[in-house]
Amino acid sequence: MKRTSLKEPILIFIVIVVILIWGLNTFNTGNPLWFLPIQPQYRPARIIVHHYGQATELRPDDEGFDALAEGLNATLSDFQSRDLVSIGIGEQTLADYYADEFVLEAFYGQNVEFNLPIRLTGINTLLFPIDARHSERNYVFIGNNREYRAGALQVVSREALEAALAETGFPQND
């Protein structure tokens, strides 16, 4: 007579729960790799640095572009939160960013995806306040063709991006 073991039903139950959680998050995010702590790396098509009223556009062949692209990828490698922060930028804030403050906009030739358990589709523009309103919280505003959405991502650190900016000739005012 064979003895029944609780191990098999418990193991099957755990596997089913894990598959259901993965499937639900995959359906919600559209990203089957949502659970990975690794952020895919992307190369921007162009970068615009708004440095206290002076806008400078950099393209892939321009000096300093590679350093900024690496700084962007390093900055986007670790998020403080796995959800969107409930904040947005209005027209006046955007106008202030461009006219008087220090922000970086990165434009991508493809959609940027994040390994986060939230659905973010159609993202091809990122805005990083460096020395501007909202910069103290390490927010990254997300958008499509410069139309920024409500909600922001929050990175752990912008040190790599700020170092690349300083190296490229865009220091912060202290």
C-alpha atoms as a PDB file:
ATOM      1  CA  MET A   1       0.000   0.000   0.000  1.00  0.00           C
ATOM      2  CA  LYS A   2       1.390   3.387  -1.055  1.00  0.00           C
ATOM      3  CA  ARG A   3       1.502   6.183   1.510  1.00  0.00           C
ATOM      4  CA  THR A   4       0.216   9.569   0.449  1.00  0.00           C
ATOM      5  CA  SER A   5       2.645  12.384   0.846  1.00  0.00           C
ATOM      6  CA  LEU A   6       1.722  16.014   1.261  1.00  0.00           C
ATOM      7  CA  LYS A   7       4.890  17.101  -0.511  1.00  0.00           C
ATOM      8  CA  GLU A   8       3.573  16.588  -4.034  1.00  0.00           C
ATOM      9  CA  PRO A   9       0.264  18.502  -3.666  1.00  0.00           C
ATOM     10  CA  ILE A  10       2.012  21.360  -1.849  1.00  0.00           C
ATOM     11  CA  LEU A  11       4.719  21.537  -4.519  1.00  0.00           C
ATOM     12  CA  ILE A  12       2.093  21.504  -7.287  1.00  0.00           C
ATOM     13  CA  PHE A  13       0.136  24.233  -5.487  1.00  0.00           C
ATOM     14  CA  ILE A  14       3.263  26.419  -5.158  1.00  0.00           C
ATOM     15  CA  VAL A  15       4.146  25.949  -8.849  1.00  0.00           C
ATOM     16  CA  ILE A  16       0.598  26.866  -9.884  1.00  0.00           C
ATOM     17  CA  VAL A  17       0.623  30.010  -7.696  1.00  0.00           C
ATOM     18  CA  VAL A  18       4.002  31.102  -9.104  1.00  0.00           C
ATOM     19  CA  ILE A  19       2.801  30.546 -12.685  1.00  0.00           C
ATOM     20  CA  LEU A  20      -0.407  32.489 -11.972  1.00  0.00           C
ATOM     21  CA  ILE A  21       1.491  35.431 -10.450  1.00  0.00           C
ATOM     22  CA  TRP A  22       3.978  35.472 -13.345  1.00  0.00           C
ATOM     23  CA  GLY A  23       1.166  35.182 -15.922  1.00  0.00           C
ATOM     24  CA  LEU A  24      -0.931  37.927 -14.348  1.00  0.00           C
ATOM     25  CA  ASN A  25       2.018  40.330 -14.161  1.00  0.00           C
ATOM     26  CA  THR A  26       3.070  39.429 -17.708  1.00  0.00           C
ATOM     27  CA  PHE A  27      -0.461  40.174 -18.911  1.00  0.00           C
ATOM     28  CA  ASN A  28      -0.575  43.459 -16.955  1.00  0.00           C
ATOM     29  CA  THR A  29       2.852  44.695 -18.003  1.00  0.00           C
ATOM     30  CA  GLY A  30       3.170  43.214 -21.472  1.00  0.00           C
ATOM     31  CA  ASN A  31       6.691  42.217 -20.432  1.00  0.00           C
ATOM     32  CA  PRO A  32       7.427  38.542 -19.656  1.00  0.00           C
ATOM     33  CA  LEU A  33      10.715  39.573 -17.997  1.00  0.00           C
ATOM     34  CA  TRP A  34       9.105  42.033 -15.536  1.00  0.00           C
ATOM     35  CA  PHE A  35      10.686  40.272 -12.555  1.00  0.00           C
ATOM     36  CA  LEU A  36      14.320  40.641 -13.681  1.00  0.00           C
ATOM     37  CA  PRO A  37      16.396  43.206 -11.804  1.00  0.00           C
ATOM     38  CA  ILE A  38      18.274  43.945 -15.027  1.00  0.00           C
ATOM     39  CA  GLN A  39      17.221  46.931 -17.112  1.00  0.00           C
ATOM     40  CA  PRO A  40      17.690  46.588 -20.876  1.00  0.00           C
ATOM     41  CA  GLN A  41      20.093  49.160 -22.294  1.00  0.00           C
ATOM     42  CA  TYR A  42      19.090  51.539 -25.060  1.00  0.00           C
ATOM     43  CA  ARG A  43      20.998  54.036 -27.153  1.00  0.00           C
ATOM     44  CA  PRO A  44      19.261  57.382 -27.621  1.00  0.00           C
ATOM     45  CA  ALA A  45      18.822  58.802 -31.124  1.00  0.00           C
ATOM     46  CA  ARG A  46      19.523  62.268 -29.733  1.00  0.00           C
ATOM     47  CA  ILE A  47      19.949  64.053 -26.438  1.00  0.00           C
ATOM     48  CA  ILE A  48      19.053  67.645 -25.650  1.00  0.00           C
ATOM     49  CA  VAL A  49      20.670  69.260 -22.624  1.00  0.00           C
ATOM     50  CA  HIS A  50      18.841  72.346 -21.375  1.00  0.00           C
ATOM     51  CA  HIS A  51      21.586  74.011 -19.347  1.00  0.00           C
ATOM     52  CA  TYR A  52      20.188  77.088 -17.579  1.00  0.00           C
ATOM     53  CA  GLY A  53      18.577  78.548 -20.689  1.00  0.00           C
ATOM     54  CA  GLN A  54      20.988  77.184 -23.310  1.00  0.00           C
ATOM     55  CA  ALA A  55      19.792  74.129 -25.268  1.00  0.00           C
ATOM     56  CA  THR A  56      22.435  71.851 -26.780  1.00  0.00           C
ATOM     57  CA  GLU A  57      21.472  68.942 -29.018  1.00  0.00           C
ATOM     58  CA  LEU A  58      23.816  65.978 -29.242  1.00  0.00           C
ATOM     59  CA  ARG A  59      23.645  63.221 -31.848  1.00  0.00           C
ATOM     60  CA  PRO A  60      25.446  59.841 -31.846  1.00  0.00           C
ATOM     61  CA  ASP A  61      28.480  61.176 -33.747  1.00  0.00           C
ATOM     62  CA  ASP A  62      28.941  64.203 -31.474  1.00  0.00           C
ATOM     63  CA  GLU A  63      31.644  64.408 -28.851  1.00  0.00           C
ATOM     64  CA  GLY A  64      30.308  63.526 -25.423  1.00  0.00           C
ATOM     65  CA  PHE A  65      27.275  61.646 -26.723  1.00  0.00           C
ATOM     66  CA  ASP A  66      28.647  58.203 -25.800  1.00  0.00           C
ATOM     67  CA  ALA A  67      29.461  59.311 -22.238  1.00  0.00           C
ATOM     68  CA  LEU A  68      25.939  60.661 -21.796  1.00  0.00           C
ATOM     69  CA  ALA A  69      24.378  57.496 -23.274  1.00  0.00           C
ATOM     70  CA  GLU A  70      26.383  55.373 -20.822  1.00  0.00           C
ATOM     71  CA  GLY A  71      25.376  57.689 -17.971  1.00  0.00           C
ATOM     72  CA  LEU A  72      21.721  57.304 -18.961  1.00  0.00           C
ATOM     73  CA  ASN A  73      21.943  53.511 -18.981  1.00  0.00           C
ATOM     74  CA  ALA A  74      23.725  53.457 -15.626  1.00  0.00           C
ATOM     75  CA  THR A  75      21.102  55.778 -14.130  1.00  0.00           C
ATOM     76  CA  LEU A  76      18.243  53.654 -15.457  1.00  0.00           C
ATOM     77  CA  SER A  77      19.762  50.444 -14.090  1.00  0.00           C
ATOM     78  CA  ASP A  78      18.238  50.763 -10.608  1.00  0.00           C
ATOM     79  CA  PHE A  79      14.868  52.122  -9.550  1.00  0.00           C
ATOM     80  CA  GLN A  80      13.910  53.243  -6.067  1.00  0.00           C
ATOM     81  CA  SER A  81      10.334  52.120  -6.581  1.00  0.00           C
ATOM     82  CA  ARG A  82       8.791  49.457  -8.786  1.00  0.00           C
ATOM     83  CA  ASP A  83       5.725  51.676  -9.397  1.00  0.00           C
ATOM     84  CA  LEU A  84       5.071  55.046 -10.975  1.00  0.00           C
ATOM     85  CA  VAL A  85       5.213  58.040  -8.668  1.00  0.00           C
ATOM     86  CA  SER A  86       2.019  60.110  -8.817  1.00  0.00           C
ATOM     87  CA  ILE A  87       3.465  63.314 -10.202  1.00  0.00           C
ATOM     88  CA  GLY A  88       3.407  65.046 -13.528  1.00  0.00           C
ATOM     89  CA  ILE A  89       4.866  68.100 -15.177  1.00  0.00           C
ATOM     90  CA  GLY A  90       2.668  70.876 -16.428  1.00  0.00           C
ATOM     91  CA  GLU A  91       3.243  73.309 -19.250  1.00  0.00           C
ATOM     92  CA  GLN A  92       4.649  75.989 -16.941  1.00  0.00           C
ATOM     93  CA  THR A  93       7.108  73.593 -15.320  1.00  0.00           C
ATOM     94  CA  LEU A  94       8.247  72.424 -18.755  1.00  0.00           C
ATOM     95  CA  ALA A  95       8.664  76.036 -19.896  1.00  0.00           C
ATOM     96  CA  ASP A  96      10.729  76.767 -16.753  1.00  0.00           C
ATOM     97  CA  TYR A  97      12.833  73.661 -17.388  1.00  0.00           C
ATOM     98  CA  TYR A  98      13.674  74.817 -20.895  1.00  0.00           C
ATOM     99  CA  ALA A  99      14.175  78.508 -20.061  1.00  0.00           C
ATOM    100  CA  ASP A 100      16.006  78.604 -16.731  1.00  0.00           C
ATOM    101  CA  GLU A 101      16.819  75.201 -15.300  1.00  0.00           C
ATOM    102  CA  PHE A 102      19.090  72.229 -15.964  1.00  0.00           C
ATOM    103  CA  VAL A 103      17.383  69.168 -17.452  1.00  0.00           C
ATOM    104  CA  LEU A 104      18.295  66.462 -19.928  1.00  0.00           C
ATOM    105  CA  GLU A 105      15.917  65.009 -22.504  1.00  0.00           C
ATOM    106  CA  ALA A 106      16.728  61.714 -24.178  1.00  0.00           C
ATOM    107  CA  PHE A 107      14.927  60.780 -27.390  1.00  0.00           C
ATOM    108  CA  TYR A 108      14.943  57.176 -28.545  1.00  0.00           C
ATOM    109  CA  GLY A 109      14.274  55.827 -32.035  1.00  0.00           C
ATOM    110  CA  GLN A 110      12.409  52.902 -30.497  1.00  0.00           C
ATOM    111  CA  ASN A 111      10.153  52.308 -27.538  1.00  0.00           C
ATOM    112  CA  VAL A 112      11.968  51.995 -24.229  1.00  0.00           C
ATOM    113  CA  GLU A 113      10.834  49.207 -21.920  1.00  0.00           C
ATOM    114  CA  PHE A 114      11.543  48.817 -18.248  1.00  0.00           C
ATOM    115  CA  ASN A 115      11.677  45.579 -16.287  1.00  0.00           C
ATOM    116  CA  LEU A 116       9.069  46.768 -13.828  1.00  0.00           C
ATOM    117  CA  PRO A 117       5.708  45.233 -12.912  1.00  0.00           C
ATOM    118  CA  ILE A 118       3.783  48.128 -14.510  1.00  0.00           C
ATOM    119  CA  ARG A 119       2.599  48.578 -18.083  1.00  0.00           C
ATOM    120  CA  LEU A 120       4.565  51.300 -19.832  1.00  0.00           C
ATOM    121  CA  THR A 121       4.051  51.312 -23.579  1.00  0.00           C
ATOM    122  CA  GLY A 122       4.976  53.817 -26.236  1.00  0.00           C
ATOM    123  CA  ILE A 123       7.750  55.442 -24.198  1.00  0.00           C
ATOM    124  CA  ASN A 124      10.404  57.040 -26.428  1.00  0.00           C
ATOM    125  CA  THR A 125      11.273  60.225 -24.515  1.00  0.00           C
ATOM    126  CA  LEU A 126      12.757  60.576 -21.031  1.00  0.00           C
ATOM    127  CA  LEU A 127      13.281  63.807 -19.115  1.00  0.00           C
ATOM    128  CA  PHE A 128      15.716  64.020 -16.194  1.00  0.00           C
ATOM    129  CA  PRO A 129      15.576  67.118 -13.954  1.00  0.00           C
ATOM    130  CA  ILE A 130      19.217  67.645 -12.913  1.00  0.00           C
ATOM    131  CA  ASP A 131      19.122  71.047 -11.197  1.00  0.00           C
ATOM    132  CA  ALA A 132      15.464  71.947 -11.454  1.00  0.00           C
ATOM    133  CA  ARG A 133      12.091  71.531  -9.807  1.00  0.00           C
ATOM    134  CA  HIS A 134      11.667  67.852  -8.776  1.00  0.00           C
ATOM    135  CA  SER A 135      15.394  67.074  -9.149  1.00  0.00           C
ATOM    136  CA  GLU A 136      15.917  66.277  -5.456  1.00  0.00           C
ATOM    137  CA  ARG A 137      13.750  63.149  -5.783  1.00  0.00           C
ATOM    138  CA  ASN A 138      15.607  61.590  -8.761  1.00  0.00           C
ATOM    139  CA  TYR A 139      12.488  61.553 -10.920  1.00  0.00           C
ATOM    140  CA  VAL A 140      12.511  60.533 -14.569  1.00  0.00           C
ATOM    141  CA  PHE A 141       9.522  61.784 -16.521  1.00  0.00           C
ATOM    142  CA  ILE A 142       8.369  59.490 -19.291  1.00  0.00           C
ATOM    143  CA  GLY A 143       6.690  60.425 -22.535  1.00  0.00           C
ATOM    144  CA  ASN A 144       6.129  59.891 -26.181  1.00  0.00           C
ATOM    145  CA  ASN A 145       7.539  62.442 -28.629  1.00  0.00           C
ATOM    146  CA  ARG A 146       7.948  65.041 -25.884  1.00  0.00           C
ATOM    147  CA  GLU A 147       4.417  64.652 -24.575  1.00  0.00           C
ATOM    148  CA  TYR A 148       5.043  63.713 -20.966  1.00  0.00           C
ATOM    149  CA  ARG A 149       2.610  61.491 -19.108  1.00  0.00           C
ATOM    150  CA  ALA A 150       1.301  61.773 -15.592  1.00  0.00           C
ATOM    151  CA  GLY A 151       3.553  59.717 -13.380  1.00  0.00           C
ATOM    152  CA  ALA A 152       7.297  59.412 -13.131  1.00  0.00           C
ATOM    153  CA  LEU A 153       9.865  56.765 -12.422  1.00  0.00           C
ATOM    154  CA  GLN A 154      12.260  57.266  -9.532  1.00  0.00           C
ATOM    155  CA  VAL A 155      15.863  56.124  -9.923  1.00  0.00           C
ATOM    156  CA  VAL A 156      18.162  55.329  -7.020  1.00  0.00           C
ATOM    157  CA  SER A 157      20.937  57.648  -8.185  1.00  0.00           C
ATOM    158  CA  ARG A 158      21.801  60.060 -10.978  1.00  0.00           C
ATOM    159  CA  GLU A 159      25.506  60.148 -10.107  1.00  0.00           C
ATOM    160  CA  ALA A 160      26.657  58.459 -13.338  1.00  0.00           C
ATOM    161  CA  LEU A 161      24.555  60.808 -15.468  1.00  0.00           C
ATOM    162  CA  GLU A 162      25.656  63.904 -13.539  1.00  0.00           C
ATOM    163  CA  ALA A 163      29.315  62.853 -13.854  1.00  0.00           C
ATOM    164  CA  ALA A 164      28.874  62.364 -17.621  1.00  0.00           C
ATOM    165  CA  LEU A 165      27.208  65.783 -17.881  1.00  0.00           C
ATOM    166  CA  ALA A 166      30.061  67.475 -15.995  1.00  0.00           C
ATOM    167  CA  GLU A 167      32.623  65.619 -18.128  1.00  0.00           C
ATOM    168  CA  THR A 168      30.808  66.770 -21.268  1.00  0.00           C
ATOM    169  CA  GLY A 169      30.874  70.434 -20.208  1.00  0.00           C
ATOM    170  CA  PHE A 170      27.554  70.809 -18.411  1.00  0.00           C
ATOM    171  CA  PRO A 171      28.349  71.424 -14.736  1.00  0.00           C
ATOM    172  CA  GLN A 172      25.703  72.208 -12.137  1.00  0.00           C
ATOM    173  CA  ASN A 173      25.491  75.645 -10.578  1.00  0.00           C
ATOM    174  CA  ASP A 174      26.146  75.350  -6.864  1.00  0.00           C
END
